[in-house]
Amino acid sequence: SVVIGSGAEVVMVGLDVTMQVLCDRAFFAALADASPDLGGFLNDASQFYLDFYRARSGQDGCALHDPSAVIACTHPQLFRITPLPMTVVE
């Protein structure tokens, strides 16, 4: 509520947006092939997350919520941003 009420410009990227970008096992495998150190780490780290998504929702990929929010801030042209008033219900 402090941040939303501060008057600062806030970009809210909800699950309705981040769930539209799913990364599957082939995506992470390609990262590992392209960059064995960092991509390999991300591939290994993603396996639990991918298994969780499959067990909980049957989806064949996982959403990267935080990276999607960062990209919305750094590359807003990739998103349709709609200015709306926000409040926090406490």
PDB file of N, CA and C in Angstrom:
ATOM      1  N   SER A   1       0.822  -1.197   0.000  1.00  0.00           N
ATOM      2  CA  SER A   1       0.000   0.000   0.000  1.00  0.00           C
ATOM      3  C   SER A   1       0.863   1.258   0.000  1.00  0.00           C
ATOM      4  N   VAL A   2       2.048   1.178   0.616  1.00  0.00           N
ATOM      5  CA  VAL A   2       2.946   2.335   0.638  1.00  0.00           C
ATOM      6  C   VAL A   2       3.411   2.658  -0.784  1.00  0.00           C
ATOM      7  N   VAL A   3       3.801   1.652  -1.534  1.00  0.00           N
ATOM      8  CA  VAL A   3       4.300   1.875  -2.896  1.00  0.00           C
ATOM      9  C   VAL A   3       3.165   2.363  -3.799  1.00  0.00           C
ATOM     10  N   ILE A   4       2.033   1.655  -3.777  1.00  0.00           N
ATOM     11  CA  ILE A   4       0.919   2.027  -4.647  1.00  0.00           C
ATOM     12  C   ILE A   4       0.413   3.429  -4.306  1.00  0.00           C
ATOM     13  N   GLY A   5       0.394   3.777  -3.032  1.00  0.00           N
ATOM     14  CA  GLY A   5      -0.089   5.081  -2.603  1.00  0.00           C
ATOM     15  C   GLY A   5       0.937   6.189  -2.642  1.00  0.00           C
ATOM     16  N   SER A   6       2.151   5.887  -3.070  1.00  0.00           N
ATOM     17  CA  SER A   6       3.233   6.876  -3.034  1.00  0.00           C
ATOM     18  C   SER A   6       3.139   7.936  -4.124  1.00  0.00           C
ATOM     19  N   GLY A   7       2.373   7.663  -5.159  1.00  0.00           N
ATOM     20  CA  GLY A   7       2.326   8.587  -6.289  1.00  0.00           C
ATOM     21  C   GLY A   7       3.352   8.270  -7.356  1.00  0.00           C
ATOM     22  N   ALA A   8       4.237   7.313  -7.072  1.00  0.00           N
ATOM     23  CA  ALA A   8       5.231   6.917  -8.070  1.00  0.00           C
ATOM     24  C   ALA A   8       4.554   6.163  -9.201  1.00  0.00           C
ATOM     25  N   GLU A   9       5.164   6.209 -10.377  1.00  0.00           N
ATOM     26  CA  GLU A   9       4.644   5.428 -11.493  1.00  0.00           C
ATOM     27  C   GLU A   9       4.941   3.957 -11.208  1.00  0.00           C
ATOM     28  N   VAL A  10       3.921   3.137 -11.180  1.00  0.00           N
ATOM     29  CA  VAL A  10       4.057   1.713 -10.883  1.00  0.00           C
ATOM     30  C   VAL A  10       3.537   0.925 -12.075  1.00  0.00           C
ATOM     31  N   VAL A  11       4.308  -0.051 -12.505  1.00  0.00           N
ATOM     32  CA  VAL A  11       3.869  -0.953 -13.569  1.00  0.00           C
ATOM     33  C   VAL A  11       3.518  -2.278 -12.909  1.00  0.00           C
ATOM     34  N   MET A  12       2.252  -2.633 -12.975  1.00  0.00           N
ATOM     35  CA  MET A  12       1.764  -3.883 -12.394  1.00  0.00           C
ATOM     36  C   MET A  12       1.634  -4.904 -13.518  1.00  0.00           C
ATOM     37  N   VAL A  13       2.334  -6.017 -13.380  1.00  0.00           N
ATOM     38  CA  VAL A  13       2.275  -7.083 -14.374  1.00  0.00           C
ATOM     39  C   VAL A  13       1.691  -8.299 -13.663  1.00  0.00           C
ATOM     40  N   GLY A  14       0.433  -8.559 -13.919  1.00  0.00           N
ATOM     41  CA  GLY A  14      -0.282  -9.612 -13.208  1.00  0.00           C
ATOM     42  C   GLY A  14      -0.085 -10.993 -13.806  1.00  0.00           C
ATOM     43  N   LEU A  15      -0.604 -11.976 -13.097  1.00  0.00           N
ATOM     44  CA  LEU A  15      -0.532 -13.351 -13.562  1.00  0.00           C
ATOM     45  C   LEU A  15      -1.260 -13.540 -14.891  1.00  0.00           C
ATOM     46  N   ASP A  16      -2.278 -12.714 -15.144  1.00  0.00           N
ATOM     47  CA  ASP A  16      -2.982 -12.811 -16.424  1.00  0.00           C
ATOM     48  C   ASP A  16      -2.044 -12.522 -17.587  1.00  0.00           C
ATOM     49  N   VAL A  17      -0.991 -11.767 -17.334  1.00  0.00           N
ATOM     50  CA  VAL A  17       0.002 -11.454 -18.363  1.00  0.00           C
ATOM     51  C   VAL A  17       1.129 -12.487 -18.339  1.00  0.00           C
ATOM     52  N   THR A  18       1.703 -12.724 -17.173  1.00  0.00           N
ATOM     53  CA  THR A  18       2.884 -13.601 -17.106  1.00  0.00           C
ATOM     54  C   THR A  18       2.568 -15.051 -17.465  1.00  0.00           C
ATOM     55  N   MET A  19       1.326 -15.479 -17.278  1.00  0.00           N
ATOM     56  CA  MET A  19       0.961 -16.858 -17.630  1.00  0.00           C
ATOM     57  C   MET A  19       0.815 -17.052 -19.142  1.00  0.00           C
ATOM     58  N   GLN A  20       0.910 -15.968 -19.889  1.00  0.00           N
ATOM     59  CA  GLN A  20       0.853 -16.078 -21.353  1.00  0.00           C
ATOM     60  C   GLN A  20       2.206 -16.433 -21.948  1.00  0.00           C
ATOM     61  N   VAL A  21       3.260 -16.349 -21.147  1.00  0.00           N
ATOM     62  CA  VAL A  21       4.603 -16.645 -21.628  1.00  0.00           C
ATOM     63  C   VAL A  21       5.097 -17.892 -20.895  1.00  0.00           C
ATOM     64  N   LEU A  22       4.942 -19.045 -21.540  1.00  0.00           N
ATOM     65  CA  LEU A  22       5.369 -20.304 -20.944  1.00  0.00           C
ATOM     66  C   LEU A  22       6.629 -20.804 -21.639  1.00  0.00           C
ATOM     67  N   CYS A  23       7.590 -21.210 -20.840  1.00  0.00           N
ATOM     68  CA  CYS A  23       8.842 -21.759 -21.359  1.00  0.00           C
ATOM     69  C   CYS A  23       8.831 -23.263 -21.104  1.00  0.00           C
ATOM     70  N   ASP A  24       9.079 -24.059 -22.152  1.00  0.00           N
ATOM     71  CA  ASP A  24       9.016 -25.507 -22.007  1.00  0.00           C
ATOM     72  C   ASP A  24      10.421 -26.105 -21.901  1.00  0.00           C
ATOM     73  N   ARG A  25      10.476 -27.429 -21.775  1.00  0.00           N
ATOM     74  CA  ARG A  25      11.768 -28.114 -21.621  1.00  0.00           C
ATOM     75  C   ARG A  25      12.689 -27.859 -22.819  1.00  0.00           C
ATOM     76  N   ALA A  26      12.119 -27.808 -24.009  1.00  0.00           N
ATOM     77  CA  ALA A  26      12.940 -27.563 -25.200  1.00  0.00           C
ATOM     78  C   ALA A  26      13.587 -26.176 -25.141  1.00  0.00           C
ATOM     79  N   PHE A  27      12.865 -25.192 -24.610  1.00  0.00           N
ATOM     80  CA  PHE A  27      13.418 -23.843 -24.463  1.00  0.00           C
ATOM     81  C   PHE A  27      14.644 -23.865 -23.547  1.00  0.00           C
ATOM     82  N   PHE A  28      14.497 -24.527 -22.387  1.00  0.00           N
ATOM     83  CA  PHE A  28      15.613 -24.566 -21.438  1.00  0.00           C
ATOM     84  C   PHE A  28      16.770 -25.408 -21.969  1.00  0.00           C
ATOM     85  N   ALA A  29      16.469 -26.478 -22.712  1.00  0.00           N
ATOM     86  CA  ALA A  29      17.523 -27.284 -23.325  1.00  0.00           C
ATOM     87  C   ALA A  29      18.304 -26.457 -24.347  1.00  0.00           C
ATOM     88  N   ALA A  30      17.593 -25.626 -25.112  1.00  0.00           N
ATOM     89  CA  ALA A  30      18.259 -24.759 -26.088  1.00  0.00           C
ATOM     90  C   ALA A  30      19.164 -23.744 -25.389  1.00  0.00           C
ATOM     91  N   LEU A  31      18.714 -23.228 -24.229  1.00  0.00           N
ATOM     92  CA  LEU A  31      19.576 -22.324 -23.454  1.00  0.00           C
ATOM     93  C   LEU A  31      20.846 -23.042 -23.028  1.00  0.00           C
ATOM     94  N   ALA A  32      20.703 -24.283 -22.586  1.00  0.00           N
ATOM     95  CA  ALA A  32      21.871 -25.063 -22.149  1.00  0.00           C
ATOM     96  C   ALA A  32      22.831 -25.309 -23.307  1.00  0.00           C
ATOM     97  N   ASP A  33      22.276 -25.586 -24.493  1.00  0.00           N
ATOM     98  CA  ASP A  33      23.127 -25.801 -25.671  1.00  0.00           C
ATOM     99  C   ASP A  33      23.866 -24.526 -26.060  1.00  0.00           C
ATOM    100  N   ALA A  34      23.170 -23.390 -25.976  1.00  0.00           N
ATOM    101  CA  ALA A  34      23.755 -22.111 -26.391  1.00  0.00           C
ATOM    102  C   ALA A  34      24.785 -21.600 -25.395  1.00  0.00           C
ATOM    103  N   SER A  35      24.568 -21.890 -24.129  1.00  0.00           N
ATOM    104  CA  SER A  35      25.457 -21.392 -23.076  1.00  0.00           C
ATOM    105  C   SER A  35      25.541 -22.452 -21.977  1.00  0.00           C
ATOM    106  N   PRO A  36      26.488 -23.374 -22.098  1.00  0.00           N
ATOM    107  CA  PRO A  36      26.538 -24.500 -21.166  1.00  0.00           C
ATOM    108  C   PRO A  36      26.606 -24.110 -19.686  1.00  0.00           C
ATOM    109  N   ASP A  37      27.302 -23.044 -19.351  1.00  0.00           N
ATOM    110  CA  ASP A  37      27.400 -22.672 -17.941  1.00  0.00           C
ATOM    111  C   ASP A  37      26.100 -22.068 -17.431  1.00  0.00           C
ATOM    112  N   LEU A  38      25.744 -20.895 -17.906  1.00  0.00           N
ATOM    113  CA  LEU A  38      24.538 -20.227 -17.421  1.00  0.00           C
ATOM    114  C   LEU A  38      23.275 -20.932 -17.915  1.00  0.00           C
ATOM    115  N   GLY A  39      23.229 -21.257 -19.179  1.00  0.00           N
ATOM    116  CA  GLY A  39      22.071 -21.958 -19.725  1.00  0.00           C
ATOM    117  C   GLY A  39      21.896 -23.326 -19.098  1.00  0.00           C
ATOM    118  N   GLY A  40      23.010 -24.001 -18.840  1.00  0.00           N
ATOM    119  CA  GLY A  40      22.945 -25.304 -18.177  1.00  0.00           C
ATOM    120  C   GLY A  40      22.404 -25.181 -16.768  1.00  0.00           C
ATOM    121  N   PHE A  41      22.838 -24.140 -16.058  1.00  0.00           N
ATOM    122  CA  PHE A  41      22.314 -23.891 -14.713  1.00  0.00           C
ATOM    123  C   PHE A  41      20.811 -23.643 -14.763  1.00  0.00           C
ATOM    124  N   LEU A  42      20.367 -22.782 -15.682  1.00  0.00           N
ATOM    125  CA  LEU A  42      18.933 -22.490 -15.797  1.00  0.00           C
ATOM    126  C   LEU A  42      18.146 -23.735 -16.184  1.00  0.00           C
ATOM    127  N   ASN A  43      18.701 -24.551 -17.065  1.00  0.00           N
ATOM    128  CA  ASN A  43      18.048 -25.791 -17.454  1.00  0.00           C
ATOM    129  C   ASN A  43      17.886 -26.711 -16.242  1.00  0.00           C
ATOM    130  N   ASP A  44      18.955 -26.887 -15.486  1.00  0.00           N
ATOM    131  CA  ASP A  44      18.887 -27.742 -14.294  1.00  0.00           C
ATOM    132  C   ASP A  44      17.905 -27.186 -13.269  1.00  0.00           C
ATOM    133  N   ALA A  45      17.970 -25.891 -13.042  1.00  0.00           N
ATOM    134  CA  ALA A  45      17.111 -25.260 -12.034  1.00  0.00           C
ATOM    135  C   ALA A  45      15.644 -25.300 -12.427  1.00  0.00           C
ATOM    136  N   SER A  46      15.349 -25.289 -13.708  1.00  0.00           N
ATOM    137  CA  SER A  46      13.963 -25.233 -14.166  1.00  0.00           C
ATOM    138  C   SER A  46      13.238 -26.568 -14.064  1.00  0.00           C
ATOM    139  N   GLN A  47      13.938 -27.657 -13.937  1.00  0.00           N
ATOM    140  CA  GLN A  47      13.294 -28.972 -13.989  1.00  0.00           C
ATOM    141  C   GLN A  47      12.256 -29.158 -12.877  1.00  0.00           C
ATOM    142  N   PHE A  48      12.564 -28.734 -11.667  1.00  0.00           N
ATOM    143  CA  PHE A  48      11.594 -28.839 -10.568  1.00  0.00           C
ATOM    144  C   PHE A  48      10.355 -28.002 -10.873  1.00  0.00           C
ATOM    145  N   TYR A  49      10.581 -26.796 -11.361  1.00  0.00           N
ATOM    146  CA  TYR A  49       9.490 -25.876 -11.679  1.00  0.00           C
ATOM    147  C   TYR A  49       8.611 -26.461 -12.791  1.00  0.00           C
ATOM    148  N   LEU A  50       9.238 -27.020 -13.822  1.00  0.00           N
ATOM    149  CA  LEU A  50       8.486 -27.642 -14.916  1.00  0.00           C
ATOM    150  C   LEU A  50       7.660 -28.822 -14.415  1.00  0.00           C
ATOM    151  N   ASP A  51       8.253 -29.639 -13.555  1.00  0.00           N
ATOM    152  CA  ASP A  51       7.527 -30.777 -12.980  1.00  0.00           C
ATOM    153  C   ASP A  51       6.349 -30.294 -12.138  1.00  0.00           C
ATOM    154  N   PHE A  52       6.548 -29.221 -11.387  1.00  0.00           N
ATOM    155  CA  PHE A  52       5.484 -28.660 -10.556  1.00  0.00           C
ATOM    156  C   PHE A  52       4.314 -28.195 -11.423  1.00  0.00           C
ATOM    157  N   TYR A  53       4.608 -27.459 -12.478  1.00  0.00           N
ATOM    158  CA  TYR A  53       3.548 -26.972 -13.370  1.00  0.00           C
ATOM    159  C   TYR A  53       2.780 -28.135 -13.988  1.00  0.00           C
ATOM    160  N   ARG A  54       3.489 -29.165 -14.405  1.00  0.00           N
ATOM    161  CA  ARG A  54       2.818 -30.313 -15.020  1.00  0.00           C
ATOM    162  C   ARG A  54       1.921 -31.011 -14.000  1.00  0.00           C
ATOM    163  N   ALA A  55       2.413 -31.203 -12.770  1.00  0.00           N
ATOM    164  CA  ALA A  55       1.637 -31.897 -11.737  1.00  0.00           C
ATOM    165  C   ALA A  55       0.418 -31.080 -11.306  1.00  0.00           C
ATOM    166  N   ARG A  56       0.562 -29.767 -11.191  1.00  0.00           N
ATOM    167  CA  ARG A  56      -0.525 -28.919 -10.692  1.00  0.00           C
ATOM    168  C   ARG A  56      -1.545 -28.530 -11.750  1.00  0.00           C
ATOM    169  N   SER A  57      -1.075 -28.247 -12.964  1.00  0.00           N
ATOM    170  CA  SER A  57      -2.006 -27.710 -13.960  1.00  0.00           C
ATOM    171  C   SER A  57      -2.016 -28.476 -15.274  1.00  0.00           C
ATOM    172  N   GLY A  58      -1.123 -29.455 -15.401  1.00  0.00           N
ATOM    173  CA  GLY A  58      -1.050 -30.200 -16.651  1.00  0.00           C
ATOM    174  C   GLY A  58      -0.375 -29.433 -17.777  1.00  0.00           C
ATOM    175  N   GLN A  59       0.181 -28.268 -17.458  1.00  0.00           N
ATOM    176  CA  GLN A  59       0.831 -27.443 -18.492  1.00  0.00           C
ATOM    177  C   GLN A  59       2.200 -28.002 -18.831  1.00  0.00           C
ATOM    178  N   ASP A  60       2.558 -27.838 -20.091  1.00  0.00           N
ATOM    179  CA  ASP A  60       3.829 -28.336 -20.587  1.00  0.00           C
ATOM    180  C   ASP A  60       4.906 -27.264 -20.589  1.00  0.00           C
ATOM    181  N   GLY A  61       4.847 -26.366 -19.654  1.00  0.00           N
ATOM    182  CA  GLY A  61       5.828 -25.300 -19.546  1.00  0.00           C
ATOM    183  C   GLY A  61       5.593 -24.523 -18.273  1.00  0.00           C
ATOM    184  N   CYS A  62       6.508 -23.643 -17.958  1.00  0.00           N
ATOM    185  CA  CYS A  62       6.373 -22.832 -16.753  1.00  0.00           C
ATOM    186  C   CYS A  62       6.492 -21.356 -17.110  1.00  0.00           C
ATOM    187  N   ALA A  63       5.829 -20.548 -16.318  1.00  0.00           N
ATOM    188  CA  ALA A  63       5.874 -19.101 -16.517  1.00  0.00           C
ATOM    189  C   ALA A  63       7.045 -18.519 -15.738  1.00  0.00           C
ATOM    190  N   LEU A  64       7.640 -17.515 -16.294  1.00  0.00           N
ATOM    191  CA  LEU A  64       8.732 -16.810 -15.621  1.00  0.00           C
ATOM    192  C   LEU A  64       8.200 -15.441 -15.215  1.00  0.00           C
ATOM    193  N   HIS A  65       7.536 -15.407 -14.074  1.00  0.00           N
ATOM    194  CA  HIS A  65       6.818 -14.211 -13.639  1.00  0.00           C
ATOM    195  C   HIS A  65       7.739 -13.002 -13.454  1.00  0.00           C
ATOM    196  N   ASP A  66       8.783 -13.141 -12.670  1.00  0.00           N
ATOM    197  CA  ASP A  66       9.659 -11.997 -12.401  1.00  0.00           C
ATOM    198  C   ASP A  66      10.356 -11.489 -13.663  1.00  0.00           C
ATOM    199  N   PRO A  67      10.943 -12.373 -14.488  1.00  0.00           N
ATOM    200  CA  PRO A  67      11.555 -11.852 -15.717  1.00  0.00           C
ATOM    201  C   PRO A  67      10.545 -11.143 -16.625  1.00  0.00           C
ATOM    202  N   SER A  68       9.317 -11.639 -16.682  1.00  0.00           N
ATOM    203  CA  SER A  68       8.296 -10.972 -17.506  1.00  0.00           C
ATOM    204  C   SER A  68       8.022  -9.562 -16.995  1.00  0.00           C
ATOM    205  N   ALA A  69       7.956  -9.403 -15.673  1.00  0.00           N
ATOM    206  CA  ALA A  69       7.719  -8.079 -15.099  1.00  0.00           C
ATOM    207  C   ALA A  69       8.891  -7.140 -15.380  1.00  0.00           C
ATOM    208  N   VAL A  70      10.102  -7.654 -15.283  1.00  0.00           N
ATOM    209  CA  VAL A  70      11.284  -6.829 -15.573  1.00  0.00           C
ATOM    210  C   VAL A  70      11.278  -6.403 -17.039  1.00  0.00           C
ATOM    211  N   ILE A  71      10.972  -7.334 -17.937  1.00  0.00           N
ATOM    212  CA  ILE A  71      10.940  -7.011 -19.366  1.00  0.00           C
ATOM    213  C   ILE A  71       9.861  -5.973 -19.663  1.00  0.00           C
ATOM    214  N   ALA A  72       8.738  -6.039 -18.959  1.00  0.00           N
ATOM    215  CA  ALA A  72       7.680  -5.031 -19.154  1.00  0.00           C
ATOM    216  C   ALA A  72       8.183  -3.635 -18.800  1.00  0.00           C
ATOM    217  N   CYS A  73       9.081  -3.557 -17.849  1.00  0.00           N
ATOM    218  CA  CYS A  73       9.643  -2.251 -17.447  1.00  0.00           C
ATOM    219  C   CYS A  73      10.770  -1.801 -18.368  1.00  0.00           C
ATOM    220  N   THR A  74      11.590  -2.736 -18.822  1.00  0.00           N
ATOM    221  CA  THR A  74      12.744  -2.365 -19.644  1.00  0.00           C
ATOM    222  C   THR A  74      12.413  -2.274 -21.132  1.00  0.00           C
ATOM    223  N   HIS A  75      11.379  -2.999 -21.560  1.00  0.00           N
ATOM    224  CA  HIS A  75      10.981  -3.007 -22.971  1.00  0.00           C
ATOM    225  C   HIS A  75       9.460  -2.861 -23.072  1.00  0.00           C
ATOM    226  N   PRO A  76       8.923  -1.738 -22.638  1.00  0.00           N
ATOM    227  CA  PRO A  76       7.461  -1.578 -22.600  1.00  0.00           C
ATOM    228  C   PRO A  76       6.796  -1.684 -23.971  1.00  0.00           C
ATOM    229  N   GLN A  77       7.551  -1.511 -25.038  1.00  0.00           N
ATOM    230  CA  GLN A  77       6.978  -1.613 -26.373  1.00  0.00           C
ATOM    231  C   GLN A  77       6.498  -3.041 -26.680  1.00  0.00           C
ATOM    232  N   LEU A  78       6.937  -4.011 -25.906  1.00  0.00           N
ATOM    233  CA  LEU A  78       6.500  -5.390 -26.109  1.00  0.00           C
ATOM    234  C   LEU A  78       5.165  -5.688 -25.432  1.00  0.00           C
ATOM    235  N   PHE A  79       4.655  -4.718 -24.695  1.00  0.00           N
ATOM    236  CA  PHE A  79       3.432  -4.901 -23.914  1.00  0.00           C
ATOM    237  C   PHE A  79       2.442  -3.800 -24.243  1.00  0.00           C
ATOM    238  N   ARG A  80       1.182  -4.091 -24.020  1.00  0.00           N
ATOM    239  CA  ARG A  80       0.154  -3.049 -24.068  1.00  0.00           C
ATOM    240  C   ARG A  80      -0.068  -2.615 -22.623  1.00  0.00           C
ATOM    241  N   ILE A  81       0.362  -1.429 -22.313  1.00  0.00           N
ATOM    242  CA  ILE A  81       0.264  -0.916 -20.948  1.00  0.00           C
ATOM    243  C   ILE A  81      -0.903   0.059 -20.881  1.00  0.00           C
ATOM    244  N   THR A  82      -1.795  -0.206 -19.948  1.00  0.00           N
ATOM    245  CA  THR A  82      -3.000   0.607 -19.789  1.00  0.00           C
ATOM    246  C   THR A  82      -2.949   1.316 -18.443  1.00  0.00           C
ATOM    247  N   PRO A  83      -2.844   2.635 -18.423  1.00  0.00           N
ATOM    248  CA  PRO A  83      -2.852   3.356 -17.147  1.00  0.00           C
ATOM    249  C   PRO A  83      -4.214   3.210 -16.454  1.00  0.00           C
ATOM    250  N   LEU A  84      -4.188   2.758 -15.239  1.00  0.00           N
ATOM    251  CA  LEU A  84      -5.398   2.585 -14.429  1.00  0.00           C
ATOM    252  C   LEU A  84      -5.094   2.988 -13.000  1.00  0.00           C
ATOM    253  N   PRO A  85      -6.092   3.480 -12.277  1.00  0.00           N
ATOM    254  CA  PRO A  85      -5.876   3.762 -10.856  1.00  0.00           C
ATOM    255  C   PRO A  85      -5.779   2.436 -10.081  1.00  0.00           C
ATOM    256  N   MET A  86      -4.914   2.408  -9.086  1.00  0.00           N
ATOM    257  CA  MET A  86      -4.766   1.214  -8.247  1.00  0.00           C
ATOM    258  C   MET A  86      -4.931   1.593  -6.785  1.00  0.00           C
ATOM    259  N   THR A  87      -5.524   0.679  -6.055  1.00  0.00           N
ATOM    260  CA  THR A  87      -5.594   0.800  -4.604  1.00  0.00           C
ATOM    261  C   THR A  87      -5.298  -0.550  -3.994  1.00  0.00           C
ATOM    262  N   VAL A  88      -4.948  -0.538  -2.745  1.00  0.00           N
ATOM    263  CA  VAL A  88      -4.687  -1.782  -2.015  1.00  0.00           C
ATOM    264  C   VAL A  88      -5.726  -1.907  -0.926  1.00  0.00           C
ATOM    265  N   VAL A  89      -6.369  -3.057  -0.888  1.00  0.00           N
ATOM    266  CA  VAL A  89      -7.354  -3.320   0.152  1.00  0.00           C
ATOM    267  C   VAL A  89      -6.630  -4.034   1.286  1.00  0.00           C
ATOM    268  N   GLU A  90      -6.649  -3.422   2.461  1.00  0.00           N
ATOM    269  CA  GLU A  90      -5.934  -4.013   3.596  1.00  0.00           C
ATOM    270  C   GLU A  90      -6.910  -4.661   4.552  1.00  0.00           C
TER     271      GLU A  90
END
